[in-house]
N, C-alpha and C. Protein backbone atom coordinates (compact mmCIF):
# COMPACT_ATOMS: atom_id res chain seq x y z
N MET A 1 7.15 43.45 -8.73
CA MET A 1 5.84 43.21 -8.32
C MET A 1 5.92 43.05 -6.76
N SER A 2 5.48 44.01 -5.71
CA SER A 2 5.42 43.60 -4.42
C SER A 2 4.23 42.72 -3.87
N VAL A 3 4.46 42.05 -3.14
CA VAL A 3 3.71 41.12 -2.42
C VAL A 3 3.26 41.86 -1.42
N THR A 4 1.54 41.84 -0.90
CA THR A 4 1.07 42.89 -0.09
C THR A 4 0.67 41.98 1.16
N VAL A 5 0.87 42.17 2.32
CA VAL A 5 0.58 41.48 3.32
C VAL A 5 -1.22 40.59 3.32
N ASP A 6 -1.73 41.07 2.46
CA ASP A 6 -3.30 40.38 2.11
C ASP A 6 -3.07 39.23 1.19
N ASP A 7 -1.86 39.51 0.33
CA ASP A 7 -1.62 38.62 -0.73
C ASP A 7 -1.34 37.08 0.18
N ARG A 8 -0.10 37.64 0.97
CA ARG A 8 0.28 36.65 1.88
C ARG A 8 -0.29 35.96 2.69
N ARG A 9 -1.47 36.82 3.13
CA ARG A 9 -2.39 35.99 4.24
C ARG A 9 -3.16 35.15 3.36
N LEU A 10 -3.56 35.34 2.27
CA LEU A 10 -4.55 34.48 1.58
C LEU A 10 -3.70 33.43 1.32
N ASP A 11 -2.59 33.58 0.91
CA ASP A 11 -1.53 32.32 0.49
C ASP A 11 -1.47 31.49 1.55
N ARG A 12 -1.07 32.12 2.68
CA ARG A 12 -1.10 31.02 4.00
C ARG A 12 -2.40 30.53 4.16
N LEU A 13 -3.59 30.93 3.90
CA LEU A 13 -4.50 30.36 3.96
C LEU A 13 -4.93 29.15 3.19
N ARG A 14 -4.51 29.39 1.99
CA ARG A 14 -4.82 28.27 0.68
C ARG A 14 -3.66 27.06 1.25
N TRP A 15 -2.71 27.30 1.92
CA TRP A 15 -1.74 26.27 2.04
C TRP A 15 -1.94 25.35 3.12
N LYS A 16 -2.83 26.40 4.11
CA LYS A 16 -3.34 25.40 5.44
C LYS A 16 -4.56 24.74 4.73
N ALA A 17 -5.08 25.03 3.84
CA ALA A 17 -6.28 24.27 3.25
C ALA A 17 -6.07 23.11 2.69
N ARG A 18 -4.69 22.80 2.42
CA ARG A 18 -4.35 21.53 1.67
C ARG A 18 -4.34 20.41 3.06
N ARG A 19 -5.06 19.46 2.73
CA ARG A 19 -5.55 18.55 3.82
C ARG A 19 -5.14 17.22 3.50
N GLY A 20 -5.01 16.24 4.37
CA GLY A 20 -4.29 15.00 4.04
C GLY A 20 -5.95 14.22 4.05
N LEU A 21 -7.03 14.57 4.18
CA LEU A 21 -8.22 13.96 3.69
C LEU A 21 -8.40 14.53 2.25
N LEU A 22 -8.62 13.77 1.82
CA LEU A 22 -9.16 14.28 0.57
C LEU A 22 -10.65 14.79 0.43
N GLU A 23 -11.29 14.38 0.96
CA GLU A 23 -12.80 15.16 1.10
C GLU A 23 -12.87 16.29 1.58
N ASN A 24 -12.01 16.57 2.47
CA ASN A 24 -11.50 17.87 3.02
C ASN A 24 -11.05 19.10 1.75
N ASP A 25 -10.13 18.53 1.46
CA ASP A 25 -9.33 19.03 0.27
C ASP A 25 -10.09 19.39 -0.86
N LEU A 26 -11.20 18.70 -1.32
CA LEU A 26 -12.00 18.80 -2.41
C LEU A 26 -13.07 19.93 -2.08
N LEU A 27 -13.61 20.07 -0.80
CA LEU A 27 -14.86 20.94 -0.15
C LEU A 27 -13.52 21.88 -0.22
N LEU A 28 -12.71 22.09 0.62
CA LEU A 28 -11.94 23.51 0.85
C LEU A 28 -11.32 24.38 -0.50
N SER A 29 -10.77 23.21 -1.55
CA SER A 29 -10.33 23.83 -2.40
C SER A 29 -11.45 24.69 -3.65
N LYS A 30 -12.51 24.21 -3.65
CA LYS A 30 -13.75 24.63 -4.73
C LYS A 30 -13.94 25.89 -3.69
N PHE A 31 -14.28 25.76 -2.60
CA PHE A 31 -14.55 27.10 -1.68
C PHE A 31 -13.56 27.97 -1.99
N LEU A 32 -12.44 27.88 -1.61
CA LEU A 32 -11.14 28.84 -1.69
C LEU A 32 -11.00 29.26 -3.26
N HIS A 33 -11.35 28.60 -4.10
CA HIS A 33 -11.29 29.02 -5.56
C HIS A 33 -12.59 29.89 -5.75
N ALA A 34 -13.77 29.79 -5.23
CA ALA A 34 -14.75 30.55 -5.63
C ALA A 34 -15.14 31.87 -4.94
N GLU A 35 -14.32 31.46 -3.30
CA GLU A 35 -15.08 32.59 -2.44
C GLU A 35 -13.62 33.22 -1.77
N LEU A 36 -12.57 32.88 -1.92
CA LEU A 36 -11.59 33.21 -0.79
C LEU A 36 -11.52 34.98 -0.90
N THR A 37 -11.32 35.48 -1.92
CA THR A 37 -11.17 37.01 -2.11
C THR A 37 -12.43 37.85 -1.80
N LYS A 38 -13.37 36.90 -1.54
CA LYS A 38 -14.63 37.72 -0.93
C LYS A 38 -14.74 37.70 0.47
N LEU A 39 -14.09 37.18 1.22
CA LEU A 39 -14.30 37.12 2.62
C LEU A 39 -14.03 37.84 3.14
N SER A 40 -15.18 38.72 4.50
CA SER A 40 -14.34 39.59 5.38
C SER A 40 -13.03 39.33 6.06
N ASP A 41 -12.57 40.14 6.61
CA ASP A 41 -11.72 40.32 7.79
C ASP A 41 -11.75 39.58 8.59
N SER A 42 -13.19 39.15 9.14
CA SER A 42 -13.59 38.41 10.23
C SER A 42 -13.72 36.94 9.67
N GLU A 43 -14.36 37.00 8.62
CA GLU A 43 -14.49 35.72 8.14
C GLU A 43 -13.34 34.89 7.81
N LEU A 44 -12.15 35.76 7.49
CA LEU A 44 -10.96 35.23 7.22
C LEU A 44 -10.18 34.71 8.50
N ASN A 45 -10.37 35.25 9.54
CA ASN A 45 -9.84 34.90 10.95
C ASN A 45 -10.75 33.65 11.16
N THR A 46 -11.97 33.46 11.04
CA THR A 46 -12.73 32.32 11.29
C THR A 46 -12.17 31.09 10.50
N LEU A 47 -12.12 31.36 9.50
CA LEU A 47 -11.37 30.20 8.38
C LEU A 47 -10.11 29.68 8.92
N ASP A 48 -9.22 30.75 9.40
CA ASP A 48 -7.88 30.50 10.11
C ASP A 48 -8.09 29.69 11.16
N GLN A 49 -9.14 29.83 11.95
CA GLN A 49 -9.37 29.06 13.06
C GLN A 49 -9.61 27.85 12.82
N LEU A 50 -10.70 27.43 11.78
CA LEU A 50 -11.12 26.18 11.23
C LEU A 50 -10.35 25.37 10.80
N LEU A 51 -9.35 25.66 10.15
CA LEU A 51 -8.46 25.31 9.23
C LEU A 51 -7.43 24.80 10.55
N GLN A 52 -7.31 25.06 11.67
CA GLN A 52 -6.19 24.76 12.82
C GLN A 52 -6.87 23.39 13.05
N MET A 53 -7.73 22.79 12.96
CA MET A 53 -8.55 21.74 13.31
C MET A 53 -8.02 20.39 12.86
N GLY A 54 -7.62 19.33 13.39
CA GLY A 54 -7.42 17.94 12.82
C GLY A 54 -8.12 17.78 11.80
N ASP A 55 -7.69 17.04 10.44
CA ASP A 55 -8.58 16.02 9.70
C ASP A 55 -9.80 15.95 9.74
N ASN A 56 -10.21 14.89 10.64
CA ASN A 56 -11.21 14.31 10.86
C ASN A 56 -12.34 15.09 11.64
N ASP A 57 -11.83 16.03 12.83
CA ASP A 57 -12.56 17.24 12.97
C ASP A 57 -13.03 17.95 12.18
N LEU A 58 -12.39 18.15 11.46
CA LEU A 58 -12.73 19.13 10.53
C LEU A 58 -13.54 18.80 9.44
N LEU A 59 -13.73 17.48 9.02
CA LEU A 59 -14.38 16.90 8.01
C LEU A 59 -15.90 16.32 8.84
N ASP A 60 -15.77 16.09 10.40
CA ASP A 60 -17.25 16.07 10.73
C ASP A 60 -18.03 17.32 10.71
N ILE A 61 -17.17 18.57 10.91
CA ILE A 61 -17.95 20.06 10.79
C ILE A 61 -18.35 20.03 9.54
N LEU A 62 -17.67 19.82 8.39
CA LEU A 62 -18.21 20.06 6.92
C LEU A 62 -19.20 19.32 6.74
N MET A 63 -19.34 18.01 7.10
CA MET A 63 -20.28 17.20 6.66
C MET A 63 -21.04 17.02 7.44
N GLY A 64 -21.47 18.42 8.44
CA GLY A 64 -22.25 18.75 9.50
C GLY A 64 -22.90 17.57 10.51
N ARG A 65 -21.69 16.09 10.74
CA ARG A 65 -22.04 15.22 11.74
C ARG A 65 -21.68 15.76 13.06
N LYS A 66 -21.05 17.06 13.08
CA LYS A 66 -20.25 17.86 14.59
C LYS A 66 -21.05 19.39 14.15
N ALA A 67 -21.44 19.90 15.41
CA ALA A 67 -21.82 21.14 15.52
C ALA A 67 -21.11 22.04 15.34
N CYS A 68 -21.09 23.33 15.04
CA CYS A 68 -19.88 24.30 14.91
C CYS A 68 -20.03 25.05 16.54
N VAL A 69 -18.95 25.52 17.11
CA VAL A 69 -18.39 26.34 18.39
C VAL A 69 -19.05 27.52 18.49
N ASP A 70 -19.56 28.04 17.36
CA ASP A 70 -20.20 29.14 17.37
C ASP A 70 -21.15 29.91 16.11
N GLU A 71 -21.65 30.53 16.19
CA GLU A 71 -22.45 31.23 14.83
C GLU A 71 -21.80 31.59 13.46
N ALA A 72 -20.58 32.51 13.90
CA ALA A 72 -19.68 32.88 12.39
C ALA A 72 -19.12 31.40 11.97
N THR A 73 -18.74 30.60 12.59
CA THR A 73 -18.11 29.53 12.33
C THR A 73 -19.25 28.53 11.43
N ALA A 74 -20.35 28.52 11.91
CA ALA A 74 -21.58 27.70 11.42
C ALA A 74 -21.83 28.37 10.11
N LYS A 75 -21.79 29.60 10.10
CA LYS A 75 -22.11 30.45 8.62
C LYS A 75 -21.05 30.29 7.65
N LEU A 76 -19.85 30.19 7.74
CA LEU A 76 -18.69 29.96 7.09
C LEU A 76 -19.22 28.69 6.31
N VAL A 77 -19.13 27.68 7.56
CA VAL A 77 -18.89 26.31 7.15
C VAL A 77 -20.23 25.85 6.01
N THR A 78 -21.44 26.85 6.26
CA THR A 78 -22.61 26.62 5.35
C THR A 78 -22.26 26.99 4.12
N ARG A 79 -21.31 28.28 4.05
CA ARG A 79 -21.04 28.56 2.73
C ARG A 79 -20.17 27.74 1.92
N ILE A 80 -19.11 26.92 2.67
CA ILE A 80 -18.49 25.96 2.55
C ILE A 80 -19.01 24.55 1.66
N GLN A 81 -19.99 24.32 2.38
CA GLN A 81 -21.00 23.50 2.20
C GLN A 81 -21.74 23.81 0.91
N ASN A 82 -21.99 25.22 0.85
CA ASN A 82 -22.82 25.51 -0.55
C ASN A 82 -21.91 25.63 -1.86
N VAL A 83 -21.15 25.37 -1.93
CA VAL A 83 -20.11 26.11 -3.28
C VAL A 83 -20.39 24.95 -3.92
């Protein structure tokens, strides 16, 4: 069985979503389980950028305490919050 580039990309995003803060881990794991394979290429890029943030900054964005830097990120954060 061969692993495609897409499979490796999704596995890498799953790994990056494992966070030090339990709250982030819970929100992201629930979202990834329900939505990861449904995301478009541009949404995957946005998720990848979001996952590059530090835990505290990411939690602030996911909890709505900080504004998102752009519309694409805001839409993805809303999807994460609503799962």
